[in-house]
Amino acid sequence: MPGAEWRPLFLFLHVLSVLIWVGGMAFAYLCLRPAAVEILDAPQRLRLWCAVFKRFFPLVWAALAALWLSGLCMLLPGGMAFAPKHWHVMLTLGTVMTAIYLRVYFKFYVALRQAVANENWPAGGAALGKIRQWVGINLLLGFVTVATATLGWWFAG
């Protein structure tokens, strides 16, 4: 296992991965979605989201791999027993966020792609609605995780 000299690299990968994942969700949820609803009809909007997710989700997979790898590498020298309290919270939130992403990807994204391929717009709208709900939850959890990471030492005393 790499030593302490690798910690800055792991921290950089960790933060970069959060920027990609949480930043991407923030952009999609707060900017792209409202604009798409404003100017596109349902079939175009559903096709747009399929195209966006086709590009974004591989980045999320890479970000997840880097997040988990870098986080575990930073944790391993002492283990959870020696980790600050806020790291425990971050690990819990990261686990929940990952589980939500897996559900979005394997359940609702698959349903969205299938509905768009079959031009079943009501089913596509329903799947996209579920994705939006779960991304909203994950975005909120992402903000809480970032607050925990940056302010956790302050709250933990």
C-alpha atoms as a PDB file:
ATOM      1  CA  MET A   1       0.000   0.000   0.000  1.00  0.00           C
ATOM      2  CA  PRO A   2       1.378   3.419  -0.902  1.00  0.00           C
ATOM      3  CA  GLY A   3       2.599   5.564   1.953  1.00  0.00           C
ATOM      4  CA  ALA A   4       1.754   9.048   3.144  1.00  0.00           C
ATOM      5  CA  GLU A   5       3.530  10.640   0.176  1.00  0.00           C
ATOM      6  CA  TRP A   6       0.605   9.462  -1.998  1.00  0.00           C
ATOM      7  CA  ARG A   7      -2.080  11.061   0.191  1.00  0.00           C
ATOM      8  CA  PRO A   8      -2.203  14.360  -1.796  1.00  0.00           C
ATOM      9  CA  LEU A   9      -2.776  12.412  -5.016  1.00  0.00           C
ATOM     10  CA  PHE A  10      -5.560  10.361  -3.429  1.00  0.00           C
ATOM     11  CA  LEU A  11      -7.140  13.514  -2.017  1.00  0.00           C
ATOM     12  CA  PHE A  12      -6.960  15.186  -5.446  1.00  0.00           C
ATOM     13  CA  LEU A  13      -8.632  12.171  -7.105  1.00  0.00           C
ATOM     14  CA  HIS A  14     -11.260  12.126  -4.374  1.00  0.00           C
ATOM     15  CA  VAL A  15     -12.141  15.809  -4.755  1.00  0.00           C
ATOM     16  CA  LEU A  16     -12.031  15.648  -8.573  1.00  0.00           C
ATOM     17  CA  SER A  17     -14.435  12.704  -8.533  1.00  0.00           C
ATOM     18  CA  VAL A  18     -16.838  14.579  -6.274  1.00  0.00           C
ATOM     19  CA  LEU A  19     -16.670  17.590  -8.606  1.00  0.00           C
ATOM     20  CA  ILE A  20     -17.550  15.420 -11.590  1.00  0.00           C
ATOM     21  CA  TRP A  21     -20.379  13.505  -9.907  1.00  0.00           C
ATOM     22  CA  VAL A  22     -22.006  16.086  -7.651  1.00  0.00           C
ATOM     23  CA  GLY A  23     -21.222  18.973  -9.982  1.00  0.00           C
ATOM     24  CA  GLY A  24     -22.729  17.061 -12.886  1.00  0.00           C
ATOM     25  CA  MET A  25     -25.875  16.361 -10.893  1.00  0.00           C
ATOM     26  CA  ALA A  26     -26.120  20.021  -9.877  1.00  0.00           C
ATOM     27  CA  PHE A  27     -25.789  21.201 -13.482  1.00  0.00           C
ATOM     28  CA  ALA A  28     -28.314  18.655 -14.760  1.00  0.00           C
ATOM     29  CA  TYR A  29     -30.849  19.222 -11.997  1.00  0.00           C
ATOM     30  CA  LEU A  30     -30.611  22.987 -11.593  1.00  0.00           C
ATOM     31  CA  CYS A  31     -29.803  24.158 -15.146  1.00  0.00           C
ATOM     32  CA  LEU A  32     -30.339  21.567 -17.873  1.00  0.00           C
ATOM     33  CA  ARG A  33     -33.648  20.155 -16.658  1.00  0.00           C
ATOM     34  CA  PRO A  34     -35.467  23.483 -16.334  1.00  0.00           C
ATOM     35  CA  ALA A  35     -34.185  24.614 -19.736  1.00  0.00           C
ATOM     36  CA  ALA A  36     -35.206  21.341 -21.387  1.00  0.00           C
ATOM     37  CA  VAL A  37     -38.695  21.526 -19.864  1.00  0.00           C
ATOM     38  CA  GLU A  38     -39.016  25.114 -21.060  1.00  0.00           C
ATOM     39  CA  ILE A  39     -38.096  24.584 -24.719  1.00  0.00           C
ATOM     40  CA  LEU A  40     -38.528  20.909 -25.655  1.00  0.00           C
ATOM     41  CA  ASP A  41     -41.607  18.752 -26.043  1.00  0.00           C
ATOM     42  CA  ALA A  42     -41.678  15.408 -24.224  1.00  0.00           C
ATOM     43  CA  PRO A  43     -40.238  13.150 -26.980  1.00  0.00           C
ATOM     44  CA  GLN A  44     -37.350  15.542 -27.659  1.00  0.00           C
ATOM     45  CA  ARG A  45     -36.716  15.991 -23.937  1.00  0.00           C
ATOM     46  CA  LEU A  46     -36.620  12.236 -23.332  1.00  0.00           C
ATOM     47  CA  ARG A  47     -34.234  11.737 -26.258  1.00  0.00           C
ATOM     48  CA  LEU A  48     -32.044  14.540 -24.931  1.00  0.00           C
ATOM     49  CA  TRP A  49     -31.853  12.935 -21.497  1.00  0.00           C
ATOM     50  CA  CYS A  50     -30.920   9.566 -22.997  1.00  0.00           C
ATOM     51  CA  ALA A  51     -28.103  11.263 -24.905  1.00  0.00           C
ATOM     52  CA  VAL A  52     -26.978  13.198 -21.816  1.00  0.00           C
ATOM     53  CA  PHE A  53     -27.007  10.133 -19.566  1.00  0.00           C
ATOM     54  CA  LYS A  54     -25.159   8.099 -22.204  1.00  0.00           C
ATOM     55  CA  ARG A  55     -22.297  10.596 -21.819  1.00  0.00           C
ATOM     56  CA  PHE A  56     -22.612  11.403 -18.108  1.00  0.00           C
ATOM     57  CA  PHE A  57     -23.052   7.948 -16.591  1.00  0.00           C
ATOM     58  CA  PRO A  58     -19.666   6.593 -17.772  1.00  0.00           C
ATOM     59  CA  LEU A  59     -18.099   9.603 -16.034  1.00  0.00           C
ATOM     60  CA  VAL A  60     -20.035   8.722 -12.888  1.00  0.00           C
ATOM     61  CA  TRP A  61     -18.788   5.117 -13.052  1.00  0.00           C
ATOM     62  CA  ALA A  62     -15.195   6.391 -13.312  1.00  0.00           C
ATOM     63  CA  ALA A  63     -15.805   8.907 -10.525  1.00  0.00           C
ATOM     64  CA  LEU A  64     -17.248   6.192  -8.279  1.00  0.00           C
ATOM     65  CA  ALA A  65     -14.266   3.935  -8.876  1.00  0.00           C
ATOM     66  CA  ALA A  66     -11.857   6.782  -8.126  1.00  0.00           C
ATOM     67  CA  LEU A  67     -13.857   7.894  -5.069  1.00  0.00           C
ATOM     68  CA  TRP A  68     -13.936   4.464  -3.494  1.00  0.00           C
ATOM     69  CA  LEU A  69     -10.325   3.642  -4.367  1.00  0.00           C
ATOM     70  CA  SER A  70      -8.925   6.962  -3.194  1.00  0.00           C
ATOM     71  CA  GLY A  71     -11.079   7.008  -0.071  1.00  0.00           C
ATOM     72  CA  LEU A  72     -10.074   3.509   0.952  1.00  0.00           C
ATOM     73  CA  CYS A  73      -6.412   4.233   0.236  1.00  0.00           C
ATOM     74  CA  MET A  74      -6.547   7.291   2.489  1.00  0.00           C
ATOM     75  CA  LEU A  75      -8.354   5.289   5.157  1.00  0.00           C
ATOM     76  CA  LEU A  76      -6.289   2.091   5.170  1.00  0.00           C
ATOM     77  CA  PRO A  77      -3.182   3.189   7.055  1.00  0.00           C
ATOM     78  CA  GLY A  78      -5.133   3.399  10.327  1.00  0.00           C
ATOM     79  CA  GLY A  79      -8.545   2.045   9.466  1.00  0.00           C
ATOM     80  CA  MET A  80     -11.922   3.270  10.647  1.00  0.00           C
ATOM     81  CA  ALA A  81     -10.954   2.914  14.292  1.00  0.00           C
ATOM     82  CA  PHE A  82      -8.561   5.846  13.865  1.00  0.00           C
ATOM     83  CA  ALA A  83     -10.638   7.840  11.387  1.00  0.00           C
ATOM     84  CA  PRO A  84     -12.161  11.154  12.459  1.00  0.00           C
ATOM     85  CA  LYS A  85     -15.883  11.008  13.239  1.00  0.00           C
ATOM     86  CA  HIS A  86     -16.828  12.933  10.124  1.00  0.00           C
ATOM     87  CA  TRP A  87     -15.109  10.311   7.942  1.00  0.00           C
ATOM     88  CA  HIS A  88     -17.574   7.769   9.301  1.00  0.00           C
ATOM     89  CA  VAL A  89     -20.416  10.064   8.246  1.00  0.00           C
ATOM     90  CA  MET A  90     -18.839  10.590   4.800  1.00  0.00           C
ATOM     91  CA  LEU A  91     -18.450   6.834   4.307  1.00  0.00           C
ATOM     92  CA  THR A  92     -22.082   6.243   5.267  1.00  0.00           C
ATOM     93  CA  LEU A  93     -23.345   9.002   2.970  1.00  0.00           C
ATOM     94  CA  GLY A  94     -21.102   7.789   0.137  1.00  0.00           C
ATOM     95  CA  THR A  95     -22.479   4.278   0.520  1.00  0.00           C
ATOM     96  CA  VAL A  96     -26.077   5.534   0.398  1.00  0.00           C
ATOM     97  CA  MET A  97     -25.309   7.754  -2.613  1.00  0.00           C
ATOM     98  CA  THR A  98     -23.681   4.849  -4.436  1.00  0.00           C
ATOM     99  CA  ALA A  99     -26.695   2.622  -3.747  1.00  0.00           C
ATOM    100  CA  ILE A 100     -29.011   5.320  -5.084  1.00  0.00           C
ATOM    101  CA  TYR A 101     -26.897   5.703  -8.219  1.00  0.00           C
ATOM    102  CA  LEU A 102     -26.977   1.933  -8.804  1.00  0.00           C
ATOM    103  CA  ARG A 103     -30.768   1.974  -8.527  1.00  0.00           C
ATOM    104  CA  VAL A 104     -31.051   4.930 -10.906  1.00  0.00           C
ATOM    105  CA  TYR A 105     -28.722   3.325 -13.418  1.00  0.00           C
ATOM    106  CA  PHE A 106     -29.928  -0.280 -13.381  1.00  0.00           C
ATOM    107  CA  LYS A 107     -33.637   0.335 -12.867  1.00  0.00           C
ATOM    108  CA  PHE A 108     -34.752   3.735 -14.100  1.00  0.00           C
ATOM    109  CA  TYR A 109     -32.123   4.490 -16.764  1.00  0.00           C
ATOM    110  CA  VAL A 110     -32.694   1.067 -18.314  1.00  0.00           C
ATOM    111  CA  ALA A 111     -36.451   1.758 -18.287  1.00  0.00           C
ATOM    112  CA  LEU A 112     -35.912   5.202 -19.837  1.00  0.00           C
ATOM    113  CA  ARG A 113     -33.743   3.835 -22.663  1.00  0.00           C
ATOM    114  CA  GLN A 114     -36.224   1.070 -23.387  1.00  0.00           C
ATOM    115  CA  ALA A 115     -39.180   3.468 -23.379  1.00  0.00           C
ATOM    116  CA  VAL A 116     -37.424   5.908 -25.723  1.00  0.00           C
ATOM    117  CA  ALA A 117     -36.383   3.092 -28.060  1.00  0.00           C
ATOM    118  CA  ASN A 118     -40.041   1.972 -28.191  1.00  0.00           C
ATOM    119  CA  GLU A 119     -41.314   5.561 -28.373  1.00  0.00           C
ATOM    120  CA  ASN A 120     -43.384   4.892 -25.272  1.00  0.00           C
ATOM    121  CA  TRP A 121     -43.388   8.496 -24.071  1.00  0.00           C
ATOM    122  CA  PRO A 122     -45.567   8.018 -20.954  1.00  0.00           C
ATOM    123  CA  ALA A 123     -43.285   5.234 -19.684  1.00  0.00           C
ATOM    124  CA  GLY A 124     -40.232   7.319 -20.560  1.00  0.00           C
ATOM    125  CA  GLY A 125     -41.658  10.292 -18.692  1.00  0.00           C
ATOM    126  CA  ALA A 126     -42.337   8.126 -15.655  1.00  0.00           C
ATOM    127  CA  ALA A 127     -38.785   6.732 -15.695  1.00  0.00           C
ATOM    128  CA  LEU A 128     -37.297  10.201 -16.114  1.00  0.00           C
ATOM    129  CA  GLY A 129     -39.445  11.436 -13.237  1.00  0.00           C
ATOM    130  CA  LYS A 130     -38.020   8.730 -10.974  1.00  0.00           C
ATOM    131  CA  ILE A 131     -34.477   9.567 -12.104  1.00  0.00           C
ATOM    132  CA  ARG A 132     -35.138  13.233 -11.310  1.00  0.00           C
ATOM    133  CA  GLN A 133     -36.428  12.380  -7.821  1.00  0.00           C
ATOM    134  CA  TRP A 134     -33.485  10.155  -6.959  1.00  0.00           C
ATOM    135  CA  VAL A 135     -30.936  12.543  -8.459  1.00  0.00           C
ATOM    136  CA  GLY A 136     -32.475  15.299  -6.328  1.00  0.00           C
ATOM    137  CA  ILE A 137     -32.004  13.152  -3.224  1.00  0.00           C
ATOM    138  CA  ASN A 138     -28.460  12.278  -4.242  1.00  0.00           C
ATOM    139  CA  LEU A 139     -27.658  15.910  -4.954  1.00  0.00           C
ATOM    140  CA  LEU A 140     -28.834  16.884  -1.481  1.00  0.00           C
ATOM    141  CA  LEU A 141     -26.806  14.054   0.045  1.00  0.00           C
ATOM    142  CA  GLY A 142     -23.820  15.193  -2.034  1.00  0.00           C
ATOM    143  CA  PHE A 143     -24.087  18.706  -0.595  1.00  0.00           C
ATOM    144  CA  VAL A 144     -24.315  17.263   2.925  1.00  0.00           C
ATOM    145  CA  THR A 145     -21.288  15.057   2.220  1.00  0.00           C
ATOM    146  CA  VAL A 146     -19.245  18.027   0.993  1.00  0.00           C
ATOM    147  CA  ALA A 147     -20.273  19.993   4.089  1.00  0.00           C
ATOM    148  CA  THR A 148     -19.280  17.029   6.249  1.00  0.00           C
ATOM    149  CA  ALA A 149     -15.925  16.731   4.472  1.00  0.00           C
ATOM    150  CA  THR A 150     -15.092  20.395   4.779  1.00  0.00           C
ATOM    151  CA  LEU A 151     -16.769  21.336   8.056  1.00  0.00           C
ATOM    152  CA  GLY A 152     -16.916  17.958   9.786  1.00  0.00           C
ATOM    153  CA  TRP A 153     -13.853  18.572  11.919  1.00  0.00           C
ATOM    154  CA  TRP A 154     -15.574  21.717  13.178  1.00  0.00           C
ATOM    155  CA  PHE A 155     -18.790  19.925  14.126  1.00  0.00           C
ATOM    156  CA  ALA A 156     -16.989  16.915  15.601  1.00  0.00           C
ATOM    157  CA  GLY A 157     -14.929  19.157  17.851  1.00  0.00           C
END
